[in-house]
Amino acid sequence: MTCLARLRPATAADFEQLLGETLPFRVRASAVDHNGELMGVGGLGFLPNGTVSAFVIRRPGSDRLKVTFHKAGLWTMKEARRLGVRKVVAFADPAVERAEAWLERLGFVETLSEGNKVYVWHG
């Protein structure tokens, strides 16, 4: 069986499928499909307070698609530059091995904000 992973624009239905609800803020995101199954979404979240965040929501078992998720991360940061976004914040999920290293590879820098470790990207 051929394994086919692909990136495509994410839809509200993708968030509904992964989270059981849509997000309460605007997003510009891509979805990762593998053999026709939605494996995750990720992109930029435009929060009501003006903060732009980067996020990834993955299904269990998506670890084998690291290259595809990395391509999605590269697309996200390219999109941030294209949109003129000056600052993007992200948190590294402690349950995801190498999450901090991946954020740094995408250009994020570790910093502390109110005692919490945050990753910030400046465009």
PDB file of N, CA and C in Angstrom:
ATOM      1  N   MET A   1       0.843  -1.184   0.000  1.00  0.00           N
ATOM      2  CA  MET A   1       0.000   0.000   0.000  1.00  0.00           C
ATOM      3  C   MET A   1       0.881   1.238   0.000  1.00  0.00           C
ATOM      4  N   THR A   2       0.576   2.197  -0.845  1.00  0.00           N
ATOM      5  CA  THR A   2       1.335   3.428  -0.932  1.00  0.00           C
ATOM      6  C   THR A   2       0.909   4.377   0.178  1.00  0.00           C
ATOM      7  N   CYS A   3       1.891   4.934   0.894  1.00  0.00           N
ATOM      8  CA  CYS A   3       1.610   5.926   1.928  1.00  0.00           C
ATOM      9  C   CYS A   3       1.691   7.300   1.299  1.00  0.00           C
ATOM     10  N   LEU A   4       0.606   8.016   1.356  1.00  0.00           N
ATOM     11  CA  LEU A   4       0.577   9.328   0.752  1.00  0.00           C
ATOM     12  C   LEU A   4       0.192  10.359   1.806  1.00  0.00           C
ATOM     13  N   ALA A   5       1.121  11.245   2.117  1.00  0.00           N
ATOM     14  CA  ALA A   5       0.846  12.348   3.036  1.00  0.00           C
ATOM     15  C   ALA A   5       0.798  13.616   2.201  1.00  0.00           C
ATOM     16  N   ARG A   6      -0.168  14.470   2.484  1.00  0.00           N
ATOM     17  CA  ARG A   6      -0.258  15.714   1.725  1.00  0.00           C
ATOM     18  C   ARG A   6      -0.705  16.859   2.623  1.00  0.00           C
ATOM     19  N   LEU A   7      -0.298  18.049   2.212  1.00  0.00           N
ATOM     20  CA  LEU A   7      -0.725  19.284   2.869  1.00  0.00           C
ATOM     21  C   LEU A   7      -1.822  19.915   2.047  1.00  0.00           C
ATOM     22  N   ARG A   8      -2.774  20.509   2.736  1.00  0.00           N
ATOM     23  CA  ARG A   8      -3.846  21.251   2.073  1.00  0.00           C
ATOM     24  C   ARG A   8      -4.330  22.324   3.032  1.00  0.00           C
ATOM     25  N   PRO A   9      -5.048  23.318   2.550  1.00  0.00           N
ATOM     26  CA  PRO A   9      -5.601  24.318   3.466  1.00  0.00           C
ATOM     27  C   PRO A   9      -6.563  23.671   4.463  1.00  0.00           C
ATOM     28  N   ALA A  10      -6.472  24.066   5.698  1.00  0.00           N
ATOM     29  CA  ALA A  10      -7.366  23.540   6.737  1.00  0.00           C
ATOM     30  C   ALA A  10      -8.729  24.212   6.638  1.00  0.00           C
ATOM     31  N   THR A  11      -9.751  23.489   7.035  1.00  0.00           N
ATOM     32  CA  THR A  11     -11.125  24.011   7.036  1.00  0.00           C
ATOM     33  C   THR A  11     -11.684  23.956   8.453  1.00  0.00           C
ATOM     34  N   ALA A  12     -12.803  24.634   8.661  1.00  0.00           N
ATOM     35  CA  ALA A  12     -13.477  24.581   9.964  1.00  0.00           C
ATOM     36  C   ALA A  12     -13.853  23.137  10.307  1.00  0.00           C
ATOM     37  N   ALA A  13     -14.198  22.339   9.298  1.00  0.00           N
ATOM     38  CA  ALA A  13     -14.555  20.940   9.535  1.00  0.00           C
ATOM     39  C   ALA A  13     -13.371  20.143  10.088  1.00  0.00           C
ATOM     40  N   ASP A  14     -12.145  20.505   9.698  1.00  0.00           N
ATOM     41  CA  ASP A  14     -10.962  19.815  10.231  1.00  0.00           C
ATOM     42  C   ASP A  14     -10.844  20.043  11.733  1.00  0.00           C
ATOM     43  N   PHE A  15     -11.054  21.271  12.169  1.00  0.00           N
ATOM     44  CA  PHE A  15     -10.977  21.576  13.605  1.00  0.00           C
ATOM     45  C   PHE A  15     -12.108  20.875  14.352  1.00  0.00           C
ATOM     46  N   GLU A  16     -13.276  20.851  13.750  1.00  0.00           N
ATOM     47  CA  GLU A  16     -14.428  20.156  14.339  1.00  0.00           C
ATOM     48  C   GLU A  16     -14.106  18.670  14.514  1.00  0.00           C
ATOM     49  N   GLN A  17     -13.475  18.080  13.513  1.00  0.00           N
ATOM     50  CA  GLN A  17     -13.135  16.657  13.567  1.00  0.00           C
ATOM     51  C   GLN A  17     -12.085  16.370  14.646  1.00  0.00           C
ATOM     52  N   LEU A  18     -11.071  17.219  14.766  1.00  0.00           N
ATOM     53  CA  LEU A  18      -9.987  16.986  15.731  1.00  0.00           C
ATOM     54  C   LEU A  18     -10.350  17.379  17.162  1.00  0.00           C
ATOM     55  N   LEU A  19     -11.078  18.483  17.297  1.00  0.00           N
ATOM     56  CA  LEU A  19     -11.349  19.040  18.621  1.00  0.00           C
ATOM     57  C   LEU A  19     -12.793  18.890  19.089  1.00  0.00           C
ATOM     58  N   GLY A  20     -13.679  18.575  18.161  1.00  0.00           N
ATOM     59  CA  GLY A  20     -15.095  18.526  18.507  1.00  0.00           C
ATOM     60  C   GLY A  20     -15.748  19.888  18.493  1.00  0.00           C
ATOM     61  N   GLU A  21     -15.000  20.908  18.054  1.00  0.00           N
ATOM     62  CA  GLU A  21     -15.525  22.273  17.973  1.00  0.00           C
ATOM     63  C   GLU A  21     -14.629  23.097  17.052  1.00  0.00           C
ATOM     64  N   THR A  22     -15.138  24.229  16.617  1.00  0.00           N
ATOM     65  CA  THR A  22     -14.310  25.138  15.839  1.00  0.00           C
ATOM     66  C   THR A  22     -13.613  26.087  16.804  1.00  0.00           C
ATOM     67  N   LEU A  23     -12.576  26.733  16.329  1.00  0.00           N
ATOM     68  CA  LEU A  23     -11.833  27.657  17.193  1.00  0.00           C
ATOM     69  C   LEU A  23     -12.554  28.999  17.259  1.00  0.00           C
ATOM     70  N   PRO A  24     -12.479  29.673  18.412  1.00  0.00           N
ATOM     71  CA  PRO A  24     -13.193  30.941  18.581  1.00  0.00           C
ATOM     72  C   PRO A  24     -12.403  32.156  18.070  1.00  0.00           C
ATOM     73  N   PHE A  25     -11.448  31.928  17.165  1.00  0.00           N
ATOM     74  CA  PHE A  25     -10.664  33.023  16.599  1.00  0.00           C
ATOM     75  C   PHE A  25     -10.257  32.642  15.182  1.00  0.00           C
ATOM     76  N   ARG A  26      -9.797  33.635  14.430  1.00  0.00           N
ATOM     77  CA  ARG A  26      -9.383  33.400  13.045  1.00  0.00           C
ATOM     78  C   ARG A  26      -8.100  32.600  12.993  1.00  0.00           C
ATOM     79  N   VAL A  27      -7.979  31.753  11.991  1.00  0.00           N
ATOM     80  CA  VAL A  27      -6.752  31.009  11.770  1.00  0.00           C
ATOM     81  C   VAL A  27      -6.411  31.006  10.289  1.00  0.00           C
ATOM     82  N   ARG A  28      -5.144  30.824  10.009  1.00  0.00           N
ATOM     83  CA  ARG A  28      -4.652  30.519   8.668  1.00  0.00           C
ATOM     84  C   ARG A  28      -3.813  29.273   8.869  1.00  0.00           C
ATOM     85  N   ALA A  29      -4.330  28.143   8.414  1.00  0.00           N
ATOM     86  CA  ALA A  29      -3.711  26.873   8.777  1.00  0.00           C
ATOM     87  C   ALA A  29      -3.714  25.894   7.607  1.00  0.00           C
ATOM     88  N   SER A  30      -2.854  24.892   7.748  1.00  0.00           N
ATOM     89  CA  SER A  30      -2.833  23.792   6.788  1.00  0.00           C
ATOM     90  C   SER A  30      -3.209  22.516   7.530  1.00  0.00           C
ATOM     91  N   ALA A  31      -3.680  21.549   6.769  1.00  0.00           N
ATOM     92  CA  ALA A  31      -4.039  20.245   7.311  1.00  0.00           C
ATOM     93  C   ALA A  31      -3.108  19.206   6.712  1.00  0.00           C
ATOM     94  N   VAL A  32      -2.818  18.181   7.495  1.00  0.00           N
ATOM     95  CA  VAL A  32      -2.011  17.052   7.027  1.00  0.00           C
ATOM     96  C   VAL A  32      -2.930  15.843   6.916  1.00  0.00           C
ATOM     97  N   ASP A  33      -3.047  15.336   5.700  1.00  0.00           N
ATOM     98  CA  ASP A  33      -3.803  14.107   5.437  1.00  0.00           C
ATOM     99  C   ASP A  33      -2.813  12.994   5.150  1.00  0.00           C
ATOM    100  N   HIS A  34      -3.130  11.797   5.622  1.00  0.00           N
ATOM    101  CA  HIS A  34      -2.310  10.620   5.330  1.00  0.00           C
ATOM    102  C   HIS A  34      -3.241   9.494   4.901  1.00  0.00           C
ATOM    103  N   ASN A  35      -3.076   9.073   3.663  1.00  0.00           N
ATOM    104  CA  ASN A  35      -3.958   8.038   3.097  1.00  0.00           C
ATOM    105  C   ASN A  35      -5.427   8.379   3.314  1.00  0.00           C
ATOM    106  N   GLY A  36      -5.763   9.665   3.116  1.00  0.00           N
ATOM    107  CA  GLY A  36      -7.147  10.105   3.215  1.00  0.00           C
ATOM    108  C   GLY A  36      -7.641  10.385   4.620  1.00  0.00           C
ATOM    109  N   GLU A  37      -6.801  10.214   5.633  1.00  0.00           N
ATOM    110  CA  GLU A  37      -7.201  10.462   7.019  1.00  0.00           C
ATOM    111  C   GLU A  37      -6.551  11.737   7.534  1.00  0.00           C
ATOM    112  N   LEU A  38      -7.331  12.590   8.152  1.00  0.00           N
ATOM    113  CA  LEU A  38      -6.813  13.825   8.748  1.00  0.00           C
ATOM    114  C   LEU A  38      -5.926  13.473   9.937  1.00  0.00           C
ATOM    115  N   MET A  39      -4.657  13.873   9.877  1.00  0.00           N
ATOM    116  CA  MET A  39      -3.705  13.565  10.952  1.00  0.00           C
ATOM    117  C   MET A  39      -3.390  14.777  11.826  1.00  0.00           C
ATOM    118  N   GLY A  40      -3.680  15.974  11.347  1.00  0.00           N
ATOM    119  CA  GLY A  40      -3.421  17.149  12.163  1.00  0.00           C
ATOM    120  C   GLY A  40      -3.599  18.429  11.385  1.00  0.00           C
ATOM    121  N   VAL A  41      -3.591  19.522  12.124  1.00  0.00           N
ATOM    122  CA  VAL A  41      -3.655  20.863  11.551  1.00  0.00           C
ATOM    123  C   VAL A  41      -2.627  21.727  12.262  1.00  0.00           C
ATOM    124  N   GLY A  42      -2.202  22.761  11.615  1.00  0.00           N
ATOM    125  CA  GLY A  42      -1.270  23.693  12.241  1.00  0.00           C
ATOM    126  C   GLY A  42      -1.203  24.971  11.436  1.00  0.00           C
ATOM    127  N   GLY A  43      -0.848  26.039  12.114  1.00  0.00           N
ATOM    128  CA  GLY A  43      -0.743  27.315  11.418  1.00  0.00           C
ATOM    129  C   GLY A  43      -0.688  28.469  12.390  1.00  0.00           C
ATOM    130  N   LEU A  44      -1.287  29.561  11.967  1.00  0.00           N
ATOM    131  CA  LEU A  44      -1.308  30.799  12.743  1.00  0.00           C
ATOM    132  C   LEU A  44      -2.696  31.026  13.308  1.00  0.00           C
ATOM    133  N   GLY A  45      -2.754  31.406  14.576  1.00  0.00           N
ATOM    134  CA  GLY A  45      -4.009  31.791  15.212  1.00  0.00           C
ATOM    135  C   GLY A  45      -3.973  33.275  15.509  1.00  0.00           C
ATOM    136  N   PHE A  46      -5.007  33.991  15.104  1.00  0.00           N
ATOM    137  CA  PHE A  46      -5.096  35.437  15.313  1.00  0.00           C
ATOM    138  C   PHE A  46      -6.067  35.677  16.461  1.00  0.00           C
ATOM    139  N   LEU A  47      -5.509  35.821  17.665  1.00  0.00           N
ATOM    140  CA  LEU A  47      -6.312  35.913  18.878  1.00  0.00           C
ATOM    141  C   LEU A  47      -6.982  37.280  18.992  1.00  0.00           C
ATOM    142  N   PRO A  48      -8.118  37.354  19.691  1.00  0.00           N
ATOM    143  CA  PRO A  48      -8.852  38.618  19.807  1.00  0.00           C
ATOM    144  C   PRO A  48      -8.036  39.756  20.414  1.00  0.00           C
ATOM    145  N   ASN A  49      -7.031  39.447  21.258  1.00  0.00           N
ATOM    146  CA  ASN A  49      -6.237  40.501  21.885  1.00  0.00           C
ATOM    147  C   ASN A  49      -5.104  41.011  20.987  1.00  0.00           C
ATOM    148  N   GLY A  50      -5.024  40.508  19.742  1.00  0.00           N
ATOM    149  CA  GLY A  50      -4.001  40.963  18.803  1.00  0.00           C
ATOM    150  C   GLY A  50      -2.777  40.065  18.726  1.00  0.00           C
ATOM    151  N   THR A  51      -2.667  39.105  19.628  1.00  0.00           N
ATOM    152  CA  THR A  51      -1.547  38.175  19.602  1.00  0.00           C
ATOM    153  C   THR A  51      -1.697  37.218  18.423  1.00  0.00           C
ATOM    154  N   VAL A  52      -0.582  36.939  17.770  1.00  0.00           N
ATOM    155  CA  VAL A  52      -0.560  35.914  16.729  1.00  0.00           C
ATOM    156  C   VAL A  52       0.196  34.727  17.299  1.00  0.00           C
ATOM    157  N   SER A  53      -0.433  33.560  17.276  1.00  0.00           N
ATOM    158  CA  SER A  53       0.182  32.365  17.840  1.00  0.00           C
ATOM    159  C   SER A  53       0.390  31.320  16.746  1.00  0.00           C
ATOM    160  N   ALA A  54       1.379  30.475  16.959  1.00  0.00           N
ATOM    161  CA  ALA A  54       1.589  29.323  16.093  1.00  0.00           C
ATOM    162  C   ALA A  54       1.123  28.094  16.867  1.00  0.00           C
ATOM    163  N   PHE A  55       0.502  27.159  16.174  1.00  0.00           N
ATOM    164  CA  PHE A  55      -0.024  25.978  16.858  1.00  0.00           C
ATOM    165  C   PHE A  55       0.034  24.757  15.942  1.00  0.00           C
ATOM    166  N   VAL A  56       0.032  23.610  16.562  1.00  0.00           N
ATOM    167  CA  VAL A  56      -0.105  22.331  15.876  1.00  0.00           C
ATOM    168  C   VAL A  56      -1.015  21.460  16.731  1.00  0.00           C
ATOM    169  N   ILE A  57      -1.990  20.833  16.098  1.00  0.00           N
ATOM    170  CA  ILE A  57      -2.869  19.874  16.765  1.00  0.00           C
ATOM    171  C   ILE A  57      -2.734  18.575  15.973  1.00  0.00           C
ATOM    172  N   ARG A  58      -2.194  17.549  16.633  1.00  0.00           N
ATOM    173  CA  ARG A  58      -1.915  16.284  15.933  1.00  0.00           C
ATOM    174  C   ARG A  58      -2.692  15.141  16.555  1.00  0.00           C
ATOM    175  N   ARG A  59      -3.028  14.186  15.708  1.00  0.00           N
ATOM    176  CA  ARG A  59      -3.638  12.937  16.183  1.00  0.00           C
ATOM    177  C   ARG A  59      -2.547  12.004  16.690  1.00  0.00           C
ATOM    178  N   PRO A  60      -2.887  11.129  17.626  1.00  0.00           N
ATOM    179  CA  PRO A  60      -1.940  10.073  17.994  1.00  0.00           C
ATOM    180  C   PRO A  60      -1.581   9.263  16.740  1.00  0.00           C
ATOM    181  N   GLY A  61      -0.324   8.865  16.651  1.00  0.00           N
ATOM    182  CA  GLY A  61       0.124   8.099  15.496  1.00  0.00           C
ATOM    183  C   GLY A  61       0.660   8.945  14.365  1.00  0.00           C
ATOM    184  N   SER A  62       0.654  10.257  14.542  1.00  0.00           N
ATOM    185  CA  SER A  62       1.145  11.140  13.472  1.00  0.00           C
ATOM    186  C   SER A  62       2.654  11.330  13.525  1.00  0.00           C
ATOM    187  N   ASP A  63       3.331  10.715  14.490  1.00  0.00           N
ATOM    188  CA  ASP A  63       4.778  10.868  14.643  1.00  0.00           C
ATOM    189  C   ASP A  63       5.547  10.481  13.385  1.00  0.00           C
ATOM    190  N   ARG A  64       5.032   9.548  12.634  1.00  0.00           N
ATOM    191  CA  ARG A  64       5.735   9.078  11.436  1.00  0.00           C
ATOM    192  C   ARG A  64       5.693  10.092  10.293  1.00  0.00           C
ATOM    193  N   LEU A  65       4.976  11.186  10.478  1.00  0.00           N
ATOM    194  CA  LEU A  65       4.827  12.204   9.427  1.00  0.00           C
ATOM    195  C   LEU A  65       5.620  13.468   9.757  1.00  0.00           C
ATOM    196  N   LYS A  66       6.757  13.316  10.416  1.00  0.00           N
ATOM    197  CA  LYS A  66       7.541  14.470  10.863  1.00  0.00           C
ATOM    198  C   LYS A  66       7.921  15.396   9.715  1.00  0.00           C
ATOM    199  N   VAL A  67       8.311  14.836   8.575  1.00  0.00           N
ATOM    200  CA  VAL A  67       8.727  15.664   7.437  1.00  0.00           C
ATOM    201  C   VAL A  67       7.549  16.495   6.933  1.00  0.00           C
ATOM    202  N   THR A  68       6.383  15.891   6.842  1.00  0.00           N
ATOM    203  CA  THR A  68       5.205  16.621   6.370  1.00  0.00           C
ATOM    204  C   THR A  68       4.819  17.724   7.342  1.00  0.00           C
ATOM    205  N   PHE A  69       4.861  17.431   8.638  1.00  0.00           N
ATOM    206  CA  PHE A  69       4.556  18.470   9.623  1.00  0.00           C
ATOM    207  C   PHE A  69       5.611  19.576   9.588  1.00  0.00           C
ATOM    208  N   HIS A  70       6.873  19.226   9.333  1.00  0.00           N
ATOM    209  CA  HIS A  70       7.904  20.257   9.225  1.00  0.00           C
ATOM    210  C   HIS A  70       7.634  21.147   8.012  1.00  0.00           C
ATOM    211  N   LYS A  71       7.236  20.560   6.898  1.00  0.00           N
ATOM    212  CA  LYS A  71       6.882  21.363   5.717  1.00  0.00           C
ATOM    213  C   LYS A  71       5.726  22.304   6.034  1.00  0.00           C
ATOM    214  N   ALA A  72       4.773  21.830   6.819  1.00  0.00           N
ATOM    215  CA  ALA A  72       3.658  22.686   7.233  1.00  0.00           C
ATOM    216  C   ALA A  72       4.163  23.840   8.096  1.00  0.00           C
ATOM    217  N   GLY A  73       5.124  23.558   8.984  1.00  0.00           N
ATOM    218  CA  GLY A  73       5.711  24.619   9.810  1.00  0.00           C
ATOM    219  C   GLY A  73       6.447  25.643   8.975  1.00  0.00           C
ATOM    220  N   LEU A  74       7.197  25.181   7.989  1.00  0.00           N
ATOM    221  CA  LEU A  74       7.899  26.108   7.087  1.00  0.00           C
ATOM    222  C   LEU A  74       6.902  26.966   6.326  1.00  0.00           C
ATOM    223  N   TRP A  75       5.818  26.354   5.848  1.00  0.00           N
ATOM    224  CA  TRP A  75       4.780  27.115   5.141  1.00  0.00           C
ATOM    225  C   TRP A  75       4.179  28.175   6.066  1.00  0.00           C
ATOM    226  N   THR A  76       3.932  27.800   7.322  1.00  0.00           N
ATOM    227  CA  THR A  76       3.340  28.728   8.284  1.00  0.00           C
ATOM    228  C   THR A  76       4.218  29.953   8.482  1.00  0.00           C
ATOM    229  N   MET A  77       5.517  29.758   8.640  1.00  0.00           N
ATOM    230  CA  MET A  77       6.398  30.895   8.878  1.00  0.00           C
ATOM    231  C   MET A  77       6.555  31.734   7.607  1.00  0.00           C
ATOM    232  N   LYS A  78       6.547  31.103   6.451  1.00  0.00           N
ATOM    233  CA  LYS A  78       6.566  31.842   5.179  1.00  0.00           C
ATOM    234  C   LYS A  78       5.297  32.686   5.048  1.00  0.00           C
ATOM    235  N   GLU A  79       4.178  32.122   5.449  1.00  0.00           N
ATOM    236  CA  GLU A  79       2.896  32.838   5.403  1.00  0.00           C
ATOM    237  C   GLU A  79       2.913  34.018   6.382  1.00  0.00           C
ATOM    238  N   ALA A  80       3.505  33.839   7.557  1.00  0.00           N
ATOM    239  CA  ALA A  80       3.613  34.946   8.520  1.00  0.00           C
ATOM    240  C   ALA A  80       4.401  36.104   7.901  1.00  0.00           C
ATOM    241  N   ARG A  81       5.508  35.780   7.233  1.00  0.00           N
ATOM    242  CA  ARG A  81       6.296  36.838   6.572  1.00  0.00           C
ATOM    243  C   ARG A  81       5.484  37.509   5.472  1.00  0.00           C
ATOM    244  N   ARG A  82       4.791  36.697   4.669  1.00  0.00           N
ATOM    245  CA  ARG A  82       4.003  37.247   3.560  1.00  0.00           C
ATOM    246  C   ARG A  82       2.899  38.182   4.070  1.00  0.00           C
ATOM    247  N   LEU A  83       2.316  37.844   5.199  1.00  0.00           N
ATOM    248  CA  LEU A  83       1.243  38.654   5.778  1.00  0.00           C
ATOM    249  C   LEU A  83       1.771  39.870   6.540  1.00  0.00           C
ATOM    250  N   GLY A  84       3.087  39.955   6.703  1.00  0.00           N
ATOM    251  CA  GLY A  84       3.663  41.081   7.434  1.00  0.00           C
ATOM    252  C   GLY A  84       3.545  40.963   8.942  1.00  0.00           C
ATOM    253  N   VAL A  85       3.349  39.764   9.431  1.00  0.00           N
ATOM    254  CA  VAL A  85       3.266  39.547  10.881  1.00  0.00           C
ATOM    255  C   VAL A  85       4.642  39.821  11.474  1.00  0.00           C
ATOM    256  N   ARG A  86       4.684  40.619  12.528  1.00  0.00           N
ATOM    257  CA  ARG A  86       5.955  41.010  13.134  1.00  0.00           C
ATOM    258  C   ARG A  86       6.375  40.104  14.286  1.00  0.00           C
ATOM    259  N   LYS A  87       5.390  39.446  14.933  1.00  0.00           N
ATOM    260  CA  LYS A  87       5.709  38.624  16.105  1.00  0.00           C
ATOM    261  C   LYS A  87       4.714  37.468  16.186  1.00  0.00           C
ATOM    262  N   VAL A  88       5.253  36.270  16.407  1.00  0.00           N
ATOM    263  CA  VAL A  88       4.429  35.073  16.598  1.00  0.00           C
ATOM    264  C   VAL A  88       4.909  34.399  17.873  1.00  0.00           C
ATOM    265  N   VAL A  89       3.975  33.969  18.713  1.00  0.00           N
ATOM    266  CA  VAL A  89       4.334  33.275  19.949  1.00  0.00           C
ATOM    267  C   VAL A  89       3.867  31.826  19.881  1.00  0.00           C
ATOM    268  N   ALA A  90       4.588  30.954  20.582  1.00  0.00           N
ATOM    269  CA  ALA A  90       4.236  29.534  20.621  1.00  0.00           C
ATOM    270  C   ALA A  90       4.707  28.944  21.945  1.00  0.00           C
ATOM    271  N   PHE A  91       4.063  27.879  22.340  1.00  0.00           N
ATOM    272  CA  PHE A  91       4.476  27.095  23.499  1.00  0.00           C
ATOM    273  C   PHE A  91       4.908  25.732  22.992  1.00  0.00           C
ATOM    274  N   ALA A  92       5.960  25.188  23.571  1.00  0.00           N
ATOM    275  CA  ALA A  92       6.409  23.836  23.232  1.00  0.00           C
ATOM    276  C   ALA A  92       5.634  22.850  24.099  1.00  0.00           C
ATOM    277  N   ASP A  93       5.012  21.893  23.475  1.00  0.00           N
ATOM    278  CA  ASP A  93       4.257  20.869  24.194  1.00  0.00           C
ATOM    279  C   ASP A  93       5.245  19.921  24.873  1.00  0.00           C
ATOM    280  N   PRO A  94       5.244  19.850  26.208  1.00  0.00           N
ATOM    281  CA  PRO A  94       6.198  18.981  26.897  1.00  0.00           C
ATOM    282  C   PRO A  94       5.996  17.500  26.582  1.00  0.00           C
ATOM    283  N   ALA A  95       4.833  17.127  26.071  1.00  0.00           N
ATOM    284  CA  ALA A  95       4.563  15.734  25.727  1.00  0.00           C
ATOM    285  C   ALA A  95       5.132  15.350  24.362  1.00  0.00           C
ATOM    286  N   VAL A  96       5.611  16.355  23.612  1.00  0.00           N
ATOM    287  CA  VAL A  96       6.138  16.094  22.270  1.00  0.00           C
ATOM    288  C   VAL A  96       7.663  16.173  22.313  1.00  0.00           C
ATOM    289  N   GLU A  97       8.278  15.031  22.067  1.00  0.00           N
ATOM    290  CA  GLU A  97       9.737  14.975  22.062  1.00  0.00           C
ATOM    291  C   GLU A  97      10.288  15.922  21.002  1.00  0.00           C
ATOM    292  N   ARG A  98      11.264  16.702  21.349  1.00  0.00           N
ATOM    293  CA  ARG A  98      11.976  17.621  20.459  1.00  0.00           C
ATOM    294  C   ARG A  98      11.133  18.817  19.988  1.00  0.00           C
ATOM    295  N   ALA A  99      10.029  19.103  20.681  1.00  0.00           N
ATOM    296  CA  ALA A  99       9.192  20.239  20.297  1.00  0.00           C
ATOM    297  C   ALA A  99       9.976  21.549  20.381  1.00  0.00           C
ATOM    298  N   GLU A 100      10.782  21.704  21.436  1.00  0.00           N
ATOM    299  CA  GLU A 100      11.554  22.935  21.604  1.00  0.00           C
ATOM    300  C   GLU A 100      12.571  23.086  20.475  1.00  0.00           C
ATOM    301  N   ALA A 101      13.262  22.003  20.144  1.00  0.00           N
ATOM    302  CA  ALA A 101      14.253  22.048  19.069  1.00  0.00           C
ATOM    303  C   ALA A 101      13.585  22.373  17.729  1.00  0.00           C
ATOM    304  N   TRP A 102      12.382  21.847  17.516  1.00  0.00           N
ATOM    305  CA  TRP A 102      11.674  22.118  16.265  1.00  0.00           C
ATOM    306  C   TRP A 102      11.290  23.587  16.164  1.00  0.00           C
ATOM    307  N   LEU A 103      10.787  24.157  17.259  1.00  0.00           N
ATOM    308  CA  LEU A 103      10.451  25.587  17.240  1.00  0.00           C
ATOM    309  C   LEU A 103      11.696  26.425  16.949  1.00  0.00           C
ATOM    310  N   GLU A 104      12.806  26.078  17.571  1.00  0.00           N
ATOM    311  CA  GLU A 104      14.049  26.817  17.318  1.00  0.00           C
ATOM    312  C   GLU A 104      14.484  26.674  15.858  1.00  0.00           C
ATOM    313  N   ARG A 105      14.299  25.498  15.292  1.00  0.00           N
ATOM    314  CA  ARG A 105      14.648  25.288  13.879  1.00  0.00           C
ATOM    315  C   ARG A 105      13.789  26.155  12.955  1.00  0.00           C
ATOM    316  N   LEU A 106      12.561  26.434  13.368  1.00  0.00           N
ATOM    317  CA  LEU A 106      11.675  27.303  12.589  1.00  0.00           C
ATOM    318  C   LEU A 106      11.968  28.785  12.806  1.00  0.00           C
ATOM    319  N   GLY A 107      12.889  29.093  13.713  1.00  0.00           N
ATOM    320  CA  GLY A 107      13.278  30.485  13.933  1.00  0.00           C
ATOM    321  C   GLY A 107      12.761  31.109  15.207  1.00  0.00           C
ATOM    322  N   PHE A 108      12.106  30.330  16.049  1.00  0.00           N
ATOM    323  CA  PHE A 108      11.615  30.843  17.330  1.00  0.00           C
ATOM    324  C   PHE A 108      12.768  30.889  18.330  1.00  0.00           C
ATOM    325  N   VAL A 109      12.684  31.843  19.260  1.00  0.00           N
ATOM    326  CA  VAL A 109      13.688  32.008  20.305  1.00  0.00           C
ATOM    327  C   VAL A 109      12.994  31.849  21.656  1.00  0.00           C
ATOM    328  N   GLU A 110      13.612  31.054  22.529  1.00  0.00           N
ATOM    329  CA  GLU A 110      13.060  30.838  23.866  1.00  0.00           C
ATOM    330  C   GLU A 110      13.177  32.111  24.688  1.00  0.00           C
ATOM    331  N   THR A 111      12.114  32.431  25.425  1.00  0.00           N
ATOM    332  CA  THR A 111      12.115  33.574  26.326  1.00  0.00           C
ATOM    333  C   THR A 111      11.183  33.250  27.494  1.00  0.00           C
ATOM    334  N   LEU A 112      11.231  34.059  28.529  1.00  0.00           N
ATOM    335  CA  LEU A 112      10.324  33.904  29.665  1.00  0.00           C
ATOM    336  C   LEU A 112       9.317  35.036  29.657  1.00  0.00           C
ATOM    337  N   SER A 113       8.061  34.701  29.898  1.00  0.00           N
ATOM    338  CA  SER A 113       6.995  35.689  30.004  1.00  0.00           C
ATOM    339  C   SER A 113       6.162  35.328  31.223  1.00  0.00           C
ATOM    340  N   GLU A 114       6.171  36.190  32.210  1.00  0.00           N
ATOM    341  CA  GLU A 114       5.437  35.967  33.454  1.00  0.00           C
ATOM    342  C   GLU A 114       5.785  34.604  34.070  1.00  0.00           C
ATOM    343  N   GLY A 115       7.073  34.237  33.971  1.00  0.00           N
ATOM    344  CA  GLY A 115       7.554  33.002  34.557  1.00  0.00           C
ATOM    345  C   GLY A 115       7.333  31.756  33.712  1.00  0.00           C
ATOM    346  N   ASN A 116       6.724  31.912  32.535  1.00  0.00           N
ATOM    347  CA  ASN A 116       6.470  30.776  31.647  1.00  0.00           C
ATOM    348  C   ASN A 116       7.422  30.796  30.465  1.00  0.00           C
ATOM    349  N   LYS A 117       7.870  29.605  30.059  1.00  0.00           N
ATOM    350  CA  LYS A 117       8.731  29.495  28.888  1.00  0.00           C
ATOM    351  C   LYS A 117       7.861  29.653  27.641  1.00  0.00           C
ATOM    352  N   VAL A 118       8.215  30.628  26.819  1.00  0.00           N
ATOM    353  CA  VAL A 118       7.499  30.949  25.593  1.00  0.00           C
ATOM    354  C   VAL A 118       8.495  31.025  24.469  1.00  0.00           C
ATOM    355  N   TYR A 119       8.081  30.679  23.279  1.00  0.00           N
ATOM    356  CA  TYR A 119       8.922  30.805  22.097  1.00  0.00           C
ATOM    357  C   TYR A 119       8.368  31.917  21.239  1.00  0.00           C
ATOM    358  N   VAL A 120       9.260  32.818  20.797  1.00  0.00           N
ATOM    359  CA  VAL A 120       8.850  33.995  20.039  1.00  0.00           C
ATOM    360  C   VAL A 120       9.626  34.035  18.729  1.00  0.00           C
ATOM    361  N   TRP A 121       8.895  34.312  17.660  1.00  0.00           N
ATOM    362  CA  TRP A 121       9.476  34.500  16.331  1.00  0.00           C
ATOM    363  C   TRP A 121       9.242  35.949  15.932  1.00  0.00           C
ATOM    364  N   HIS A 122      10.272  36.604  15.436  1.00  0.00           N
ATOM    365  CA  HIS A 122      10.150  37.990  14.973  1.00  0.00           C
ATOM    366  C   HIS A 122      10.352  38.023  13.474  1.00  0.00           C
ATOM    367  N   GLY A 123       9.393  38.636  12.786  1.00  0.00           N
ATOM    368  CA  GLY A 123       9.462  38.741  11.319  1.00  0.00           C
ATOM    369  C   GLY A 123      10.156  39.996  10.876  1.00  0.00           C
TER     370      GLY A 123
END
